[in-house]
């Protein structure tokens, strides 16, 4: 099963732990520039398939995800709901999910020109 590859303790150190830093420079994957989503060097995970049957839109999908997340960070101020602590504990469902889902308060960022005009 493809999902089992991502849980192999021989490939991943502490595979059940949520560690996004493993994909950053110097992580156990050899850094962001060293991590291979295509499976052409080694197969550690296959989010888009591998080899001849790899998804032809994977490059575009990753690019759009980066832009989407960048725009969420750029256009909104993110805060935890008052009185609600951020809890990163996990539970296993179809995938690993947060045991207590994150409750976030989003508010549109006010541009500097709008701030000056309102004073």
N, C-alpha and C. Protein backbone atom coordinates (compact mmCIF):
# COMPACT_ATOMS: atom_id res chain seq x y z
N UNK A 1 0.83 -1.18 0.00
CA UNK A 1 0.00 0.00 0.00
C UNK A 1 0.88 1.25 0.00
N UNK A 2 0.53 2.23 -0.79
CA UNK A 2 1.33 3.44 -0.92
C UNK A 2 1.44 4.18 0.41
N UNK A 3 0.37 4.24 1.17
CA UNK A 3 0.39 4.97 2.44
C UNK A 3 1.37 4.36 3.43
N UNK A 4 1.57 3.05 3.36
CA UNK A 4 2.49 2.37 4.27
C UNK A 4 3.93 2.82 4.06
N UNK A 5 4.28 3.28 2.86
CA UNK A 5 5.64 3.75 2.59
C UNK A 5 5.99 4.93 3.47
N UNK A 6 5.03 5.81 3.69
CA UNK A 6 5.27 6.98 4.52
C UNK A 6 5.36 6.68 6.00
N UNK A 7 5.06 5.46 6.39
CA UNK A 7 5.09 5.07 7.80
C UNK A 7 6.21 4.08 8.11
N UNK A 8 7.10 3.86 7.15
CA UNK A 8 8.17 2.88 7.32
C UNK A 8 9.28 3.44 8.21
N UNK A 9 9.49 2.87 9.41
CA UNK A 9 10.52 3.38 10.31
C UNK A 9 11.95 3.15 9.79
N UNK A 10 12.12 2.28 8.80
CA UNK A 10 13.44 2.09 8.21
C UNK A 10 13.78 3.24 7.26
N UNK A 11 12.76 3.95 6.78
CA UNK A 11 12.97 5.07 5.86
C UNK A 11 12.88 6.40 6.60
N UNK A 12 11.91 6.53 7.49
CA UNK A 12 11.65 7.79 8.20
C UNK A 12 11.94 7.64 9.68
N UNK A 13 12.63 8.60 10.25
CA UNK A 13 12.85 8.63 11.69
C UNK A 13 11.56 9.08 12.35
N UNK A 14 11.03 8.29 13.28
CA UNK A 14 9.78 8.58 13.98
C UNK A 14 8.66 8.93 12.99
N UNK A 15 8.25 7.96 12.15
CA UNK A 15 7.32 8.25 11.06
C UNK A 15 5.94 8.72 11.49
N UNK A 16 5.50 8.39 12.70
CA UNK A 16 4.16 8.79 13.13
C UNK A 16 4.10 10.21 13.67
N UNK A 17 5.25 10.83 13.87
CA UNK A 17 5.29 12.19 14.41
C UNK A 17 5.13 13.21 13.29
N UNK A 18 4.41 14.29 13.57
CA UNK A 18 4.25 15.39 12.63
C UNK A 18 5.51 16.24 12.71
N UNK A 19 6.37 16.13 11.72
CA UNK A 19 7.64 16.86 11.69
C UNK A 19 7.83 17.50 10.32
N UNK A 20 7.19 18.60 10.03
CA UNK A 20 7.38 19.22 8.71
C UNK A 20 8.81 19.69 8.49
N UNK A 21 9.57 19.89 9.58
CA UNK A 21 10.96 20.35 9.44
C UNK A 21 11.83 19.30 8.77
N UNK A 22 11.37 18.06 8.68
CA UNK A 22 12.18 17.03 8.02
C UNK A 22 12.35 17.33 6.54
N UNK A 23 11.50 18.19 5.97
CA UNK A 23 11.59 18.54 4.56
C UNK A 23 12.36 19.84 4.32
N UNK A 24 12.81 20.49 5.39
CA UNK A 24 13.59 21.72 5.26
C UNK A 24 15.06 21.38 5.09
N UNK A 25 15.86 22.39 4.75
CA UNK A 25 17.30 22.19 4.56
C UNK A 25 17.91 21.54 5.79
N UNK A 26 18.69 20.51 5.57
CA UNK A 26 19.36 19.82 6.65
C UNK A 26 18.49 18.78 7.35
N UNK A 27 17.22 18.62 6.94
CA UNK A 27 16.36 17.61 7.56
C UNK A 27 16.76 16.22 7.11
N UNK A 28 16.02 15.22 7.55
CA UNK A 28 16.39 13.85 7.23
C UNK A 28 16.19 13.51 5.76
N UNK A 29 15.57 14.42 5.00
CA UNK A 29 15.38 14.17 3.56
C UNK A 29 16.48 14.82 2.73
N UNK A 30 17.46 15.42 3.36
CA UNK A 30 18.53 16.05 2.60
C UNK A 30 18.21 17.47 2.20
N UNK A 31 17.23 18.06 2.82
CA UNK A 31 16.89 19.45 2.52
C UNK A 31 15.84 19.55 1.43
N UNK A 32 15.24 20.74 1.33
CA UNK A 32 14.17 20.96 0.36
C UNK A 32 14.67 20.73 -1.07
N UNK A 33 15.90 21.18 -1.36
CA UNK A 33 16.43 20.98 -2.71
C UNK A 33 16.81 19.54 -2.95
N UNK A 34 17.01 18.77 -1.89
CA UNK A 34 17.39 17.38 -2.04
C UNK A 34 16.22 16.42 -1.98
N UNK A 35 15.04 16.89 -1.63
CA UNK A 35 13.89 16.01 -1.51
C UNK A 35 13.28 15.76 -2.88
N UNK A 36 12.95 14.53 -3.15
CA UNK A 36 12.49 14.12 -4.47
C UNK A 36 11.03 13.67 -4.41
N UNK A 37 10.12 14.49 -4.94
CA UNK A 37 8.70 14.12 -5.00
C UNK A 37 8.41 13.17 -6.16
N UNK A 38 9.29 13.14 -7.15
CA UNK A 38 9.01 12.36 -8.35
C UNK A 38 9.39 10.90 -8.22
N UNK A 39 10.25 10.56 -7.27
CA UNK A 39 10.68 9.18 -7.11
C UNK A 39 11.73 8.76 -8.10
N UNK A 40 12.36 9.71 -8.79
CA UNK A 40 13.37 9.35 -9.78
C UNK A 40 14.70 8.96 -9.15
N UNK A 41 15.01 9.47 -7.93
CA UNK A 41 16.26 9.10 -7.26
C UNK A 41 16.03 7.98 -6.25
N UNK A 42 15.04 8.15 -5.40
CA UNK A 42 14.67 7.11 -4.44
C UNK A 42 13.20 7.32 -4.10
N UNK A 43 12.55 6.27 -3.72
CA UNK A 43 11.12 6.36 -3.43
C UNK A 43 10.94 6.31 -1.92
N UNK A 44 10.60 7.48 -1.34
CA UNK A 44 10.29 7.56 0.08
C UNK A 44 8.79 7.79 0.27
N UNK A 45 8.19 8.45 -0.68
CA UNK A 45 6.75 8.70 -0.68
C UNK A 45 6.33 8.99 -2.11
N UNK A 46 5.06 8.79 -2.43
CA UNK A 46 4.60 8.97 -3.81
C UNK A 46 3.30 9.77 -3.84
N UNK A 47 3.32 11.06 -3.52
CA UNK A 47 2.06 11.80 -3.53
C UNK A 47 1.47 11.96 -4.93
N UNK A 48 2.30 11.89 -5.98
CA UNK A 48 1.82 12.04 -7.35
C UNK A 48 2.11 10.81 -8.21
N UNK A 49 2.44 9.69 -7.59
CA UNK A 49 2.84 8.51 -8.34
C UNK A 49 4.32 8.62 -8.68
N UNK A 50 4.85 7.64 -9.38
CA UNK A 50 6.26 7.66 -9.79
C UNK A 50 6.41 7.06 -11.17
N UNK A 51 7.58 7.29 -11.74
CA UNK A 51 7.91 6.66 -13.01
C UNK A 51 7.03 7.13 -14.15
N UNK A 52 6.72 6.22 -15.05
CA UNK A 52 5.95 6.58 -16.25
C UNK A 52 4.51 6.95 -15.93
N UNK A 53 4.01 6.51 -14.78
CA UNK A 53 2.61 6.79 -14.45
C UNK A 53 2.46 8.00 -13.52
N UNK A 54 3.51 8.83 -13.39
CA UNK A 54 3.43 10.00 -12.52
C UNK A 54 2.42 11.00 -13.09
N UNK A 55 1.78 11.72 -12.22
CA UNK A 55 0.79 12.72 -12.63
C UNK A 55 1.45 13.81 -13.46
N UNK A 56 0.98 14.07 -14.66
CA UNK A 56 1.61 15.11 -15.49
C UNK A 56 1.41 16.52 -14.95
N UNK A 57 0.45 16.70 -14.06
CA UNK A 57 0.19 18.03 -13.51
C UNK A 57 0.83 18.27 -12.16
N UNK A 58 1.74 17.40 -11.71
CA UNK A 58 2.30 17.54 -10.36
C UNK A 58 3.08 18.83 -10.19
N UNK A 59 3.86 19.23 -11.16
CA UNK A 59 4.62 20.49 -11.07
C UNK A 59 3.69 21.69 -10.92
N UNK A 60 2.64 21.70 -11.72
CA UNK A 60 1.67 22.79 -11.64
C UNK A 60 0.92 22.76 -10.31
N UNK A 61 0.60 21.57 -9.82
CA UNK A 61 -0.11 21.44 -8.55
C UNK A 61 0.73 21.99 -7.40
N UNK A 62 2.01 21.64 -7.36
CA UNK A 62 2.89 22.13 -6.29
C UNK A 62 3.03 23.64 -6.38
N UNK A 63 3.19 24.17 -7.59
CA UNK A 63 3.30 25.62 -7.77
C UNK A 63 2.04 26.34 -7.27
N UNK A 64 0.87 25.83 -7.61
CA UNK A 64 -0.38 26.45 -7.17
C UNK A 64 -0.55 26.36 -5.66
N UNK A 65 -0.14 25.25 -5.06
CA UNK A 65 -0.22 25.14 -3.60
C UNK A 65 0.68 26.19 -2.93
N UNK A 66 1.88 26.39 -3.46
CA UNK A 66 2.77 27.40 -2.90
C UNK A 66 2.15 28.80 -3.00
N UNK A 67 1.59 29.13 -4.14
CA UNK A 67 0.95 30.44 -4.30
C UNK A 67 -0.27 30.59 -3.39
N UNK A 68 -1.04 29.53 -3.26
CA UNK A 68 -2.23 29.55 -2.41
C UNK A 68 -1.86 29.84 -0.96
N UNK A 69 -0.89 29.10 -0.43
CA UNK A 69 -0.46 29.30 0.96
C UNK A 69 0.16 30.68 1.13
N UNK A 70 0.97 31.11 0.17
CA UNK A 70 1.59 32.44 0.26
C UNK A 70 0.53 33.53 0.30
N UNK A 71 -0.52 33.40 -0.48
CA UNK A 71 -1.58 34.40 -0.47
C UNK A 71 -2.37 34.39 0.83
N UNK A 72 -2.58 33.21 1.41
CA UNK A 72 -3.26 33.16 2.70
C UNK A 72 -2.46 33.89 3.78
N UNK A 73 -1.14 33.70 3.76
CA UNK A 73 -0.29 34.36 4.74
C UNK A 73 -0.22 35.86 4.47
N UNK A 74 -0.17 36.24 3.21
CA UNK A 74 -0.01 37.64 2.82
C UNK A 74 -1.28 38.46 3.07
N UNK A 75 -2.44 37.91 2.78
CA UNK A 75 -3.68 38.70 2.81
C UNK A 75 -4.45 38.62 4.11
N UNK A 76 -4.07 37.72 5.02
CA UNK A 76 -4.82 37.58 6.26
C UNK A 76 -3.90 37.60 7.47
N UNK A 77 -4.43 38.11 8.58
CA UNK A 77 -3.76 38.00 9.87
C UNK A 77 -4.35 36.77 10.55
N UNK A 78 -3.48 35.89 11.02
CA UNK A 78 -3.88 34.63 11.63
C UNK A 78 -3.69 34.71 13.13
N UNK A 79 -4.72 34.39 13.88
CA UNK A 79 -4.64 34.36 15.34
C UNK A 79 -5.45 33.17 15.85
N UNK A 80 -5.00 32.62 16.96
CA UNK A 80 -5.79 31.57 17.61
C UNK A 80 -7.01 32.23 18.24
N UNK A 81 -8.10 31.52 18.31
CA UNK A 81 -9.31 32.04 18.95
C UNK A 81 -9.00 32.29 20.42
N UNK A 82 -9.46 33.42 20.94
CA UNK A 82 -9.18 33.77 22.34
C UNK A 82 -9.62 32.67 23.29
N UNK A 83 -8.73 32.34 24.22
CA UNK A 83 -9.02 31.31 25.20
C UNK A 83 -8.81 29.90 24.70
N UNK A 84 -8.38 29.76 23.46
CA UNK A 84 -8.18 28.44 22.87
C UNK A 84 -6.70 28.26 22.56
N UNK A 85 -6.05 27.31 23.25
CA UNK A 85 -4.64 27.05 23.01
C UNK A 85 -4.48 26.16 21.79
N UNK A 86 -3.38 26.35 21.08
CA UNK A 86 -3.07 25.50 19.93
C UNK A 86 -2.52 24.17 20.45
N UNK A 87 -3.19 23.09 20.08
CA UNK A 87 -2.80 21.75 20.51
C UNK A 87 -2.40 20.95 19.27
N UNK A 88 -1.13 20.53 19.19
CA UNK A 88 -0.65 19.82 18.01
C UNK A 88 -0.68 18.30 18.16
N UNK A 89 -1.42 17.78 19.15
CA UNK A 89 -1.50 16.32 19.29
C UNK A 89 -2.28 15.75 18.09
N UNK A 90 -1.99 14.49 17.78
CA UNK A 90 -2.51 13.87 16.56
C UNK A 90 -3.33 12.63 16.85
N UNK A 91 -4.10 12.22 15.85
CA UNK A 91 -4.78 10.93 15.89
C UNK A 91 -4.81 10.37 14.47
N UNK A 92 -4.91 9.06 14.38
CA UNK A 92 -4.90 8.39 13.08
C UNK A 92 -6.33 8.19 12.61
N UNK A 93 -6.63 8.72 11.44
CA UNK A 93 -7.89 8.43 10.75
C UNK A 93 -7.50 7.87 9.39
N UNK A 94 -8.09 8.34 8.31
CA UNK A 94 -7.63 7.92 6.99
C UNK A 94 -6.19 8.40 6.79
N UNK A 95 -5.91 9.60 7.31
CA UNK A 95 -4.55 10.13 7.40
C UNK A 95 -4.36 10.58 8.84
N UNK A 96 -3.21 11.11 9.16
CA UNK A 96 -2.97 11.65 10.50
C UNK A 96 -3.59 13.04 10.54
N UNK A 97 -4.45 13.28 11.52
CA UNK A 97 -5.12 14.57 11.66
C UNK A 97 -4.91 15.08 13.08
N UNK A 98 -5.22 16.35 13.28
CA UNK A 98 -5.11 16.93 14.62
C UNK A 98 -6.22 16.36 15.49
N UNK A 99 -5.86 15.99 16.72
CA UNK A 99 -6.84 15.46 17.66
C UNK A 99 -7.88 16.52 17.98
N UNK A 100 -7.43 17.75 18.21
CA UNK A 100 -8.31 18.89 18.46
C UNK A 100 -8.08 19.89 17.33
N UNK A 101 -9.00 19.96 16.36
CA UNK A 101 -8.77 20.82 15.19
C UNK A 101 -8.46 22.26 15.58
N UNK A 102 -7.59 22.87 14.80
CA UNK A 102 -7.17 24.24 15.02
C UNK A 102 -8.34 25.19 14.79
N UNK A 103 -8.56 26.06 15.74
CA UNK A 103 -9.56 27.11 15.59
C UNK A 103 -8.80 28.41 15.36
N UNK A 104 -8.93 28.96 14.18
CA UNK A 104 -8.19 30.18 13.84
C UNK A 104 -9.15 31.31 13.55
N UNK A 105 -8.72 32.50 13.92
CA UNK A 105 -9.48 33.71 13.60
C UNK A 105 -8.70 34.43 12.51
N UNK A 106 -9.33 34.58 11.35
CA UNK A 106 -8.69 35.26 10.23
C UNK A 106 -9.31 36.63 10.06
N UNK A 107 -8.47 37.61 9.83
CA UNK A 107 -8.98 38.95 9.51
C UNK A 107 -8.14 39.50 8.37
N UNK A 108 -8.80 40.15 7.43
CA UNK A 108 -8.05 40.69 6.29
C UNK A 108 -7.00 41.70 6.76
N UNK A 109 -5.85 41.64 6.14
CA UNK A 109 -4.81 42.62 6.46
C UNK A 109 -5.22 43.96 5.88
N UNK A 110 -4.98 45.01 6.65
CA UNK A 110 -5.28 46.36 6.19
C UNK A 110 -4.01 46.92 5.58
N UNK A 111 -4.12 47.41 4.35
CA UNK A 111 -2.96 47.96 3.67
C UNK A 111 -2.57 49.29 4.31
N UNK A 112 -1.31 49.63 4.21
CA UNK A 112 -0.79 50.87 4.81
C UNK A 112 -1.52 52.10 4.27
N UNK A 113 -1.85 52.08 2.97
CA UNK A 113 -2.57 53.24 2.36
C UNK A 113 -3.94 53.41 3.00
N UNK A 114 -4.61 52.28 3.30
CA UNK A 114 -5.93 52.36 3.93
C UNK A 114 -5.83 52.86 5.35
N UNK A 115 -4.76 52.48 6.08
CA UNK A 115 -4.58 52.95 7.45
C UNK A 115 -4.38 54.45 7.47
N UNK A 116 -3.56 54.98 6.55
CA UNK A 116 -3.27 56.41 6.49
C UNK A 116 -4.52 57.21 6.13
N UNK A 117 -5.33 56.66 5.22
CA UNK A 117 -6.53 57.35 4.78
C UNK A 117 -7.60 57.42 5.86
N UNK A 118 -7.61 56.49 6.81
CA UNK A 118 -8.65 56.46 7.83
C UNK A 118 -8.30 57.33 9.04
N UNK A 119 -7.06 57.83 9.12
CA UNK A 119 -6.70 58.67 10.26
C UNK A 119 -6.88 60.12 10.00
